[in-house]
Amino acid sequence: MTVSQPNPAAEGALPPPRAERGVIGWLRFNLFKDWRSSLLTVVAAIAVVFALFYGLRWIFVQADWGVVAELGGRIAIGNYNTVDSCASQNCFWRPQAVLIGFVLILGMAWGVAGKGMTRNIAIGAATVISLFAFLPYSWEEMGMDVRLLLAANLPALGVGWLLARYTPLSTYLRISLLAVAWFVVSMVLLRGITGAPGLQPVSVNNWGGFMVNLILAVGGIALSLPIGILLALGRRSRSPVVRLRIPLGNLRKLKLSLPIVKWLCIAFIELFRGVPLLALLFLSQYLLPLALPEGFFLTRIPLLRTAIVITLFSAAYMAENVRGGIQGLHPGQAEAARALGLSGIRTIRLITLPQALRNVIPAIVGQFISLFKDTTLVYIIGVLEVVEIGRSFIQGNIQIWGGADKEYFIFVAAIFWIFTFGMSRISRRVEERLGSDSRARN
C-alpha cells in the first residue's frame, strides 16, 4: 500500500511572502530590520559612496604611479643585479630561476591536492608572474631573456603537475622535503659559489627588494613553528630535574629539585616577548658583534643576524600559542593514552599536538602574518627591502619624485595585503577541512 505524501497547498500552507525571501528578504532582515538598522545602512552607504568616489578618482586620475614603473625590477630584487653587486656578469637569472623552481613545486602540490584552493593559488601565481613578461618596458629596460624567464613560469607549473601525477613524488611529505631542499639550494644560488663559472658570489648585504622580505618570511615561518613547539613542550616539562642537597647542619639537609629545561624555556620566552623587536634588532646589529670573535661569520652577515632574531622572536609568541592549545585539551585524553600503554613522547606526537595545533590554527596564522609584516623592519641594518628601497629612491630623487611617496607606499601596502589575505584564506580552508571550525560553532 502506497502512502501519499501530504500536499502543503492542499492543507492551506502558503510559501513565505516575497518580501521575506530572496535578495529582498536578505536586505530586509540584515540591513533594514528596524529604523536603527535602516539609518545605519543609509549612513554607511553614503560614506562608502563618497570614499569610492574620491578614492577611485585619486587612484585613476590624480595619482602619479610613475615611481613604481621607474623602480621596476628593483622592487622585486633591489640592487641585486647592479654593477656594484654583480660586476662581471648578469645575475638577473638567479632570482628568476629560484622563482621557477618554487612555481614548479606549486604545480606538484596542485597535482597532489587536485581541485580546490591549491589549484587556484598555483594557477593564479604562475599566471600573474608570467604576465610580468608583457610589461610595457622597452627592450633596453627589459630584455628578451628576462621576458622568457618570466613566461617560463606557466610551463613550469604544468611540468610540476605532471611530475606529481606520474612520478613517485606524489605525496605531501616528499613535496614538502623537496620545497625545503629547494629553499636551501636557492640560498646557495643567490649567494653564489667562489670559483664556479656563472656563479660569482653576490654579497648578502646587496640583496634587497621584496626578495628579502620573502626570504625572511619563508625561513622564519618554517623555523619558528617547530622551535615554538619545542619551547611550549619544554615550558610544560618537569624533567630533566637537577636535584641539589644543601647541608644546613650536622643532621639536616635542604633538598631542591630544579626543573632546568622548564626554567630555561620560560626565561627565553619571557625575554623575547618582553623586549620590542626593534630593540632586539638594534642589539643584534651593534652589541652582538662585540661579543663574538673577530672574523666570525655572524659578524660579517647582518642579514643573517636579523633573520635569527626575527625567527626567535616569532618562536617565543608561537610557543605561547601552542601552549594555550595544549592547556585547552582535557587532561583525560593524556591519561587515557597512558592507560593504553603509550609513552609520553607518543602521547604528545599522536594525541596532544595534533589537537592542540588544530585548535590554534588562527593564532598560528596570525603570528605568521605578523612575522611577514615585521620583515620590513630590517631597514634599520641598511637592507634595502621593498619599503626602504622605495623610500631611499624617492629621497635620492626628491626633485623628480618628491610627491610620489603616497603612491609607492600604497602600492607596497597592496602587495602585503594580497599576501596576508591569501594566508588568512588558506587558514580558513584548513580549519574547514580539519573540522575545527564546525566543532567551535557546535
Protein backbone atom coordinates (compact mmCIF):
# COMPACT_ATOMS: atom_id res chain seq x y z
CA MET A 1 0.00 0.00 0.00
CA THR A 2 1.45 3.35 -1.07
CA VAL A 3 1.23 6.16 1.45
CA SER A 4 0.61 9.51 -0.21
CA GLN A 5 2.68 12.47 0.86
CA PRO A 6 0.81 15.43 2.33
CA ASN A 7 0.28 18.34 0.00
CA PRO A 8 1.13 21.65 1.71
CA ALA A 9 -1.02 23.57 -0.74
CA ALA A 10 -3.99 21.31 -0.06
CA GLU A 11 -3.63 21.81 3.68
CA GLY A 12 -3.58 25.57 3.36
CA ALA A 13 0.22 26.09 3.73
CA LEU A 14 1.44 29.05 1.70
CA PRO A 15 5.01 30.00 0.69
CA PRO A 16 6.64 32.88 2.61
CA PRO A 17 5.85 36.37 1.34
CA ARG A 18 8.01 37.75 -1.45
CA ALA A 19 9.36 40.43 0.90
CA GLU A 20 10.84 37.73 3.18
CA ARG A 21 12.75 35.63 0.66
CA GLY A 22 15.49 36.08 -1.90
CA VAL A 23 17.56 39.24 -2.15
CA ILE A 24 14.75 41.43 -0.88
CA GLY A 25 14.31 39.24 2.17
CA TRP A 26 18.05 39.26 2.90
CA LEU A 27 18.22 43.06 2.63
CA ARG A 28 15.20 43.50 4.84
CA PHE A 29 16.47 41.09 7.52
CA ASN A 30 20.13 42.21 7.57
CA LEU A 31 20.08 45.89 6.61
CA PHE A 32 16.58 47.25 7.15
CA LYS A 33 15.27 45.22 10.06
CA ASP A 34 14.19 48.29 12.06
CA TRP A 35 14.64 52.05 11.90
CA ARG A 36 18.05 51.92 13.64
CA SER A 37 19.42 49.39 11.17
CA SER A 38 17.97 51.37 8.28
CA LEU A 39 19.59 54.60 9.49
CA LEU A 40 22.99 52.92 9.91
CA THR A 41 22.69 51.33 6.48
CA VAL A 42 21.92 54.67 4.80
CA VAL A 43 24.77 56.46 6.61
CA ALA A 44 27.24 53.66 5.80
CA ALA A 45 26.15 53.60 2.16
CA ILE A 46 26.70 57.37 1.83
CA ALA A 47 30.15 57.08 3.43
CA VAL A 48 31.11 54.21 1.10
CA VAL A 49 29.93 56.11 -1.98
CA PHE A 50 31.97 59.19 -1.03
CA ALA A 51 35.04 57.06 -0.20
CA LEU A 52 34.81 55.22 -3.51
CA PHE A 53 34.24 58.40 -5.48
CA TYR A 54 37.19 60.33 -4.07
CA GLY A 55 39.42 57.28 -3.66
CA LEU A 56 38.94 55.96 -7.19
CA ARG A 57 39.28 59.45 -8.63
CA TRP A 58 42.60 59.89 -6.87
CA ILE A 59 43.83 56.42 -7.92
CA PHE A 60 42.94 56.72 -11.60
CA VAL A 61 43.13 60.48 -12.22
CA GLN A 62 45.28 62.34 -9.71
CA ALA A 63 47.88 59.80 -8.56
CA ASP A 64 51.23 59.55 -10.33
CA TRP A 65 52.31 55.91 -10.46
CA GLY A 66 55.45 56.66 -12.44
CA VAL A 67 57.70 55.94 -9.45
CA VAL A 68 56.55 52.29 -9.48
CA ALA A 69 57.35 51.97 -13.18
CA GLU A 70 60.68 53.75 -12.70
CA LEU A 71 61.78 51.37 -9.95
CA GLY A 72 60.59 48.35 -11.93
CA GLY A 73 62.56 45.21 -11.12
CA ARG A 74 64.30 46.86 -8.18
CA ILE A 75 61.04 46.47 -6.26
CA ALA A 76 61.46 42.72 -6.60
CA ILE A 77 65.23 42.16 -6.21
CA GLY A 78 66.63 45.55 -5.18
CA ASN A 79 70.20 46.19 -6.28
CA TYR A 80 71.00 42.50 -6.70
CA ASN A 81 71.79 42.79 -10.43
CA THR A 82 73.72 46.05 -10.38
CA VAL A 83 77.34 46.62 -11.37
CA ASP A 84 78.37 47.05 -7.73
CA SER A 85 76.95 43.71 -6.60
CA CYS A 86 77.49 41.60 -9.74
CA ALA A 87 80.19 43.31 -11.77
CA SER A 88 81.45 40.77 -14.31
CA GLN A 89 78.22 39.01 -15.25
CA ASN A 90 74.45 39.32 -15.26
CA CYS A 91 72.90 37.84 -12.15
CA PHE A 92 69.28 38.58 -13.08
CA TRP A 93 68.58 34.91 -13.91
CA ARG A 94 69.26 33.61 -10.40
CA PRO A 95 66.17 35.05 -8.62
CA GLN A 96 64.06 34.09 -11.62
CA ALA A 97 65.40 30.53 -11.59
CA VAL A 98 64.54 30.34 -7.88
CA LEU A 99 61.03 31.57 -8.69
CA ILE A 100 60.58 28.99 -11.46
CA GLY A 101 61.60 26.24 -9.03
CA PHE A 102 59.00 27.27 -6.46
CA VAL A 103 56.30 27.55 -9.13
CA LEU A 104 57.21 24.01 -10.22
CA ILE A 105 56.73 22.86 -6.61
CA LEU A 106 53.37 24.66 -6.55
CA GLY A 107 52.41 22.66 -9.63
CA MET A 108 53.36 19.46 -7.83
CA ALA A 109 51.23 20.47 -4.86
CA TRP A 110 48.34 21.08 -7.25
CA GLY A 111 48.84 17.65 -8.80
CA VAL A 112 48.59 16.01 -5.37
CA ALA A 113 45.74 18.11 -3.99
CA GLY A 114 43.62 18.14 -7.15
CA LYS A 115 40.87 20.73 -7.20
CA GLY A 116 40.45 23.41 -4.60
CA MET A 117 42.40 26.34 -3.26
CA THR A 118 45.79 24.75 -4.02
CA ARG A 119 44.94 24.67 -7.71
CA ASN A 120 43.68 28.26 -7.67
CA ILE A 121 46.79 29.53 -5.88
CA ALA A 122 49.13 27.65 -8.22
CA ILE A 123 47.41 28.80 -11.41
CA GLY A 124 46.97 32.35 -10.15
CA ALA A 125 50.61 32.73 -9.06
CA ALA A 126 52.04 31.27 -12.28
CA THR A 127 49.72 33.36 -14.45
CA VAL A 128 50.48 36.65 -12.68
CA ILE A 129 54.24 36.03 -12.76
CA SER A 130 54.11 35.12 -16.46
CA LEU A 131 52.12 38.26 -17.28
CA PHE A 132 55.03 40.36 -15.99
CA ALA A 133 56.83 39.34 -19.18
CA PHE A 134 54.45 41.61 -21.11
CA LEU A 135 55.02 44.78 -19.10
CA PRO A 136 55.30 47.82 -21.40
CA TYR A 137 59.04 48.36 -20.93
CA SER A 138 61.46 48.93 -23.79
CA TRP A 139 63.82 46.16 -24.88
CA GLU A 140 66.70 48.05 -23.29
CA GLU A 141 64.94 48.19 -19.94
CA MET A 142 63.61 44.62 -20.09
CA GLY A 143 65.33 42.28 -22.50
CA MET A 144 64.07 39.13 -24.17
CA ASP A 145 65.99 36.89 -21.76
CA VAL A 146 64.17 38.39 -18.77
CA ARG A 147 60.79 38.08 -20.51
CA LEU A 148 61.39 34.45 -21.45
CA LEU A 149 62.35 33.50 -17.90
CA LEU A 150 59.21 35.17 -16.56
CA ALA A 151 56.99 33.50 -19.15
CA ALA A 152 58.58 30.12 -18.32
CA ASN A 153 56.71 30.01 -15.01
CA LEU A 154 53.50 28.90 -16.68
CA PRO A 155 55.10 25.87 -18.40
CA ALA A 156 56.94 25.12 -15.14
CA LEU A 157 53.57 24.85 -13.42
CA GLY A 158 52.47 22.24 -15.93
CA VAL A 159 55.72 20.31 -15.53
CA GLY A 160 55.24 20.23 -11.78
CA TRP A 161 51.68 18.93 -12.19
CA LEU A 162 52.92 16.14 -14.48
CA LEU A 163 55.70 15.21 -12.05
CA ALA A 164 53.21 14.85 -9.21
CA ARG A 165 50.81 12.78 -11.31
CA TYR A 166 53.22 10.38 -12.97
CA THR A 167 56.27 10.09 -10.69
CA PRO A 168 56.84 8.78 -7.15
CA LEU A 169 56.90 12.40 -5.87
CA SER A 170 53.12 12.38 -5.47
CA THR A 171 52.99 12.71 -1.67
CA TYR A 172 52.77 15.77 0.55
CA LEU A 173 55.78 14.66 2.59
CA ARG A 174 58.07 14.34 -0.41
CA ILE A 175 56.90 17.66 -1.85
CA SER A 176 57.50 19.36 1.50
CA LEU A 177 61.00 17.91 1.73
CA LEU A 178 61.64 19.00 -1.86
CA ALA A 179 60.49 22.54 -1.01
CA VAL A 180 62.87 22.69 1.96
CA ALA A 181 65.74 21.38 -0.18
CA TRP A 182 65.00 23.90 -2.92
CA PHE A 183 64.97 26.73 -0.39
CA VAL A 184 68.48 25.75 0.71
CA VAL A 185 69.62 25.45 -2.91
CA SER A 186 68.07 28.86 -3.62
CA MET A 187 70.11 30.49 -0.87
CA VAL A 188 73.29 28.96 -2.30
CA LEU A 189 72.31 30.03 -5.81
CA LEU A 190 71.56 33.61 -4.77
CA ARG A 191 74.75 33.84 -2.74
CA GLY A 192 76.94 32.26 -5.41
CA ILE A 193 79.96 29.97 -5.19
CA THR A 194 83.53 31.19 -5.41
CA GLY A 195 85.23 29.78 -8.49
CA ALA A 196 82.09 28.32 -10.04
CA PRO A 197 81.53 29.59 -13.61
CA GLY A 198 78.49 31.85 -13.83
CA LEU A 199 78.02 31.87 -10.06
CA GLN A 200 80.05 34.86 -8.95
CA PRO A 201 79.36 35.46 -5.24
CA VAL A 202 76.92 38.29 -4.52
CA SER A 203 77.24 39.76 -1.04
CA VAL A 204 74.18 39.27 1.13
CA ASN A 205 74.47 42.96 2.01
CA ASN A 206 73.49 43.73 -1.62
CA TRP A 207 70.28 41.70 -1.52
CA GLY A 208 67.14 43.81 -1.49
CA GLY A 209 63.60 44.37 -2.62
CA PHE A 210 60.65 42.10 -1.94
CA MET A 211 63.01 39.13 -2.34
CA VAL A 212 64.46 39.87 1.12
CA ASN A 213 61.00 40.08 2.69
CA LEU A 214 60.01 36.73 1.20
CA ILE A 215 63.25 35.01 2.23
CA LEU A 216 62.97 36.24 5.82
CA ALA A 217 59.27 35.36 5.97
CA VAL A 218 59.59 31.86 4.50
CA GLY A 219 62.64 31.00 6.59
CA GLY A 220 61.13 32.46 9.74
CA ILE A 221 57.80 30.68 9.27
CA ALA A 222 59.48 27.34 8.55
CA LEU A 223 61.67 27.55 11.67
CA SER A 224 59.56 29.44 14.21
CA LEU A 225 56.81 26.80 14.32
CA PRO A 226 59.00 23.81 15.30
CA ILE A 227 61.06 25.96 17.68
CA GLY A 228 57.85 27.28 19.23
CA ILE A 229 56.50 23.74 19.68
CA LEU A 230 59.69 22.66 21.43
CA LEU A 231 59.59 25.73 23.69
CA ALA A 232 55.94 25.08 24.57
CA LEU A 233 56.66 21.46 25.44
CA GLY A 234 59.76 22.50 27.38
CA ARG A 235 57.81 25.04 29.39
CA ARG A 236 55.34 22.34 30.45
CA SER A 237 58.08 19.78 31.15
CA ARG A 238 59.20 18.77 34.62
CA SER A 239 62.26 16.84 33.53
CA PRO A 240 65.16 16.60 33.49
CA VAL A 241 65.38 17.75 37.08
CA VAL A 242 68.60 18.68 38.85
CA ARG A 243 68.45 17.63 42.49
CA LEU A 244 70.61 19.51 44.97
CA ARG A 245 71.32 18.73 48.58
CA ILE A 246 72.47 21.69 50.63
CA PRO A 247 73.77 20.83 54.14
CA LEU A 248 72.30 23.03 56.86
CA GLY A 249 73.96 21.35 59.80
CA ASN A 250 75.01 18.00 61.12
CA LEU A 251 71.55 16.48 60.99
CA ARG A 252 69.58 18.34 58.33
CA LYS A 253 69.93 18.83 54.58
CA LEU A 254 67.89 21.03 52.25
CA LYS A 255 66.75 19.12 49.13
CA LEU A 256 65.95 21.15 46.00
CA SER A 257 64.53 19.91 42.70
CA LEU A 258 65.24 22.34 39.86
CA PRO A 259 63.42 21.83 36.51
CA ILE A 260 66.22 23.35 34.43
CA VAL A 261 64.62 22.86 30.99
CA LYS A 262 61.36 24.47 32.10
CA TRP A 263 63.12 27.48 33.61
CA LEU A 264 65.30 27.97 30.54
CA CYS A 265 62.27 27.88 28.25
CA ILE A 266 60.38 30.32 30.46
CA ALA A 267 63.36 32.68 30.53
CA PHE A 268 63.74 32.54 26.75
CA ILE A 269 60.02 33.12 26.08
CA GLU A 270 59.64 35.97 28.55
CA LEU A 271 62.84 37.66 27.36
CA PHE A 272 61.85 37.73 23.70
CA ARG A 273 58.20 38.57 24.42
CA GLY A 274 59.12 41.34 26.83
CA VAL A 275 61.51 43.25 24.56
CA PRO A 276 60.35 45.07 21.40
CA LEU A 277 61.53 43.55 18.15
CA LEU A 278 63.10 46.83 17.09
CA ALA A 279 65.26 46.86 20.23
CA LEU A 280 66.35 43.26 19.59
CA LEU A 281 67.31 44.15 16.03
CA PHE A 282 69.41 47.06 17.28
CA LEU A 283 71.10 44.82 19.83
CA SER A 284 71.90 42.21 17.18
CA GLN A 285 73.31 44.92 14.94
CA TYR A 286 75.53 46.77 17.40
CA LEU A 287 76.11 44.68 20.54
CA LEU A 288 76.24 41.10 19.31
CA PRO A 289 79.28 41.65 17.03
CA LEU A 290 81.18 42.96 20.04
CA ALA A 291 80.57 39.70 21.92
CA LEU A 292 81.61 37.44 19.02
CA PRO A 293 85.17 36.62 17.93
CA GLU A 294 86.59 38.81 15.21
CA GLY A 295 86.02 37.28 11.78
CA PHE A 296 83.08 35.13 12.94
CA PHE A 297 80.58 34.68 10.09
CA LEU A 298 77.72 36.26 12.03
CA THR A 299 79.66 39.49 12.35
CA ARG A 300 80.03 39.69 8.55
CA ILE A 301 76.40 38.95 7.61
CA PRO A 302 73.99 41.40 9.28
CA LEU A 303 71.03 39.96 7.37
CA LEU A 304 71.63 36.52 8.90
CA ARG A 305 71.67 38.01 12.40
CA THR A 306 68.41 39.76 11.64
CA ALA A 307 66.84 36.55 10.32
CA ILE A 308 67.81 34.72 13.52
CA VAL A 309 66.36 37.46 15.73
CA ILE A 310 63.07 37.62 13.80
CA THR A 311 62.74 33.82 13.91
CA LEU A 312 63.41 33.56 17.65
CA PHE A 313 61.11 36.49 18.39
CA SER A 314 58.27 34.84 16.48
CA ALA A 315 59.05 31.44 18.05
CA ALA A 316 58.53 32.91 21.55
CA TYR A 317 55.00 34.05 20.64
CA MET A 318 54.38 30.78 18.80
CA ALA A 319 55.29 28.86 21.94
CA GLU A 320 52.57 30.62 23.92
CA ASN A 321 50.01 29.95 21.17
CA VAL A 322 50.87 26.25 21.18
CA ARG A 323 50.92 26.09 24.98
CA GLY A 324 47.43 27.61 25.05
CA GLY A 325 46.23 24.94 22.65
CA ILE A 326 47.74 22.18 24.79
CA GLN A 327 46.23 23.54 28.00
CA GLY A 328 42.82 23.70 26.31
CA LEU A 329 42.75 19.92 25.94
CA HIS A 330 41.05 17.78 28.56
CA PRO A 331 43.67 16.03 30.73
CA GLY A 332 41.66 12.83 30.47
CA GLN A 333 42.92 12.30 26.94
CA ALA A 334 46.55 12.07 28.05
CA GLU A 335 45.52 9.82 30.94
CA ALA A 336 43.64 7.53 28.56
CA ALA A 337 46.68 7.39 26.28
CA ARG A 338 48.91 6.40 29.18
CA ALA A 339 46.35 3.77 30.24
CA LEU A 340 46.61 2.28 26.76
CA GLY A 341 50.35 1.97 27.17
CA LEU A 342 51.51 4.90 25.04
CA SER A 343 54.75 6.52 26.10
CA GLY A 344 54.95 10.21 26.87
CA ILE A 345 56.54 11.08 23.53
CA ARG A 346 53.98 9.07 21.53
CA THR A 347 51.15 10.62 23.52
CA ILE A 348 52.40 14.09 22.64
CA ARG A 349 53.02 13.19 18.99
CA LEU A 350 49.80 11.28 18.33
CA ILE A 351 47.26 12.74 20.78
CA THR A 352 48.20 16.09 22.23
CA LEU A 353 49.98 18.03 19.49
CA PRO A 354 47.60 17.30 16.57
CA GLN A 355 44.60 18.52 18.54
CA ALA A 356 46.41 21.48 20.08
CA LEU A 357 47.72 22.72 16.71
CA ARG A 358 44.33 22.29 15.09
CA ASN A 359 42.66 24.35 17.82
CA VAL A 360 45.09 27.28 17.50
CA ILE A 361 45.33 27.50 13.70
CA PRO A 362 44.01 31.12 13.66
CA ALA A 363 46.56 32.19 16.28
CA ILE A 364 49.41 30.45 14.42
CA VAL A 365 48.49 32.01 11.08
CA GLY A 366 48.10 35.38 12.80
CA GLN A 367 51.66 35.05 14.09
CA PHE A 368 52.85 34.11 10.60
CA ILE A 369 51.21 37.24 9.20
CA SER A 370 52.81 39.37 11.92
CA LEU A 371 56.22 37.85 11.12
CA PHE A 372 55.74 38.58 7.43
CA LYS A 373 55.00 42.24 8.12
CA ASP A 374 57.83 42.53 10.64
CA THR A 375 60.33 41.78 7.86
CA THR A 376 60.04 45.43 6.83
CA LEU A 377 61.98 46.36 9.99
CA VAL A 378 65.26 45.15 8.52
CA TYR A 379 65.75 48.66 7.14
CA ILE A 380 67.49 49.52 10.42
CA ILE A 381 70.52 47.45 9.37
CA GLY A 382 70.69 49.15 5.99
CA VAL A 383 68.97 46.43 3.91
CA LEU A 384 67.01 47.91 1.02
CA GLU A 385 63.91 45.75 1.39
CA VAL A 386 60.76 46.62 -0.51
CA VAL A 387 59.75 49.60 1.67
CA GLU A 388 63.20 51.04 2.20
CA ILE A 389 64.28 50.80 -1.43
CA GLY A 390 61.35 52.98 -2.46
CA ARG A 391 61.90 55.47 0.34
CA SER A 392 65.61 55.80 -0.41
CA PHE A 393 64.94 56.14 -4.14
CA ILE A 394 62.38 58.90 -3.59
CA GLN A 395 64.64 60.71 -1.12
CA GLY A 396 67.55 60.46 -3.55
CA ASN A 397 65.45 61.93 -6.39
CA ILE A 398 63.42 64.37 -4.34
CA GLN A 399 63.14 66.91 -7.16
CA ILE A 400 61.55 64.39 -9.51
CA TRP A 401 59.64 62.02 -7.21
CA GLY A 402 59.26 64.13 -4.09
CA GLY A 403 55.48 63.85 -4.06
CA ALA A 404 55.21 60.19 -5.10
CA ASP A 405 55.73 58.62 -1.68
CA LYS A 406 51.99 58.10 -1.17
CA GLU A 407 51.64 56.18 -4.40
CA TYR A 408 54.59 53.92 -3.70
CA PHE A 409 53.58 53.07 -0.15
CA ILE A 410 50.00 52.36 -1.22
CA PHE A 411 51.40 50.03 -3.89
CA VAL A 412 53.54 48.22 -1.30
CA ALA A 413 50.59 48.05 1.10
CA ALA A 414 48.52 46.39 -1.63
CA ILE A 415 51.23 43.78 -2.17
CA PHE A 416 51.38 42.93 1.53
CA TRP A 417 47.59 42.85 1.76
CA ILE A 418 47.35 40.35 -1.10
CA PHE A 419 49.82 38.00 0.60
CA THR A 420 48.32 38.32 4.09
CA PHE A 421 44.77 37.95 2.80
CA GLY A 422 45.82 34.82 0.94
CA MET A 423 47.36 33.42 4.14
CA SER A 424 44.17 34.08 6.09
CA ARG A 425 42.06 32.43 3.38
CA ILE A 426 44.30 29.36 3.41
CA SER A 427 43.97 29.26 7.19
CA ARG A 428 40.19 29.33 6.88
CA ARG A 429 40.17 26.47 4.38
CA VAL A 430 42.48 24.40 6.57
CA GLU A 431 40.13 24.95 9.52
CA GLU A 432 37.13 23.84 7.46
CA ARG A 433 38.96 20.77 6.20
CA LEU A 434 40.06 19.71 9.67
CA GLY A 435 36.62 20.36 11.11
CA SER A 436 37.78 22.65 13.91
CA ASP A 437 35.51 25.46 12.72
CA SER A 438 32.36 23.32 12.89
CA ARG A 439 33.29 21.99 16.34
CA ALA A 440 33.78 25.58 17.57
CA ARG A 441 30.31 26.53 16.36
CA ASN A 442 28.75 23.49 17.98
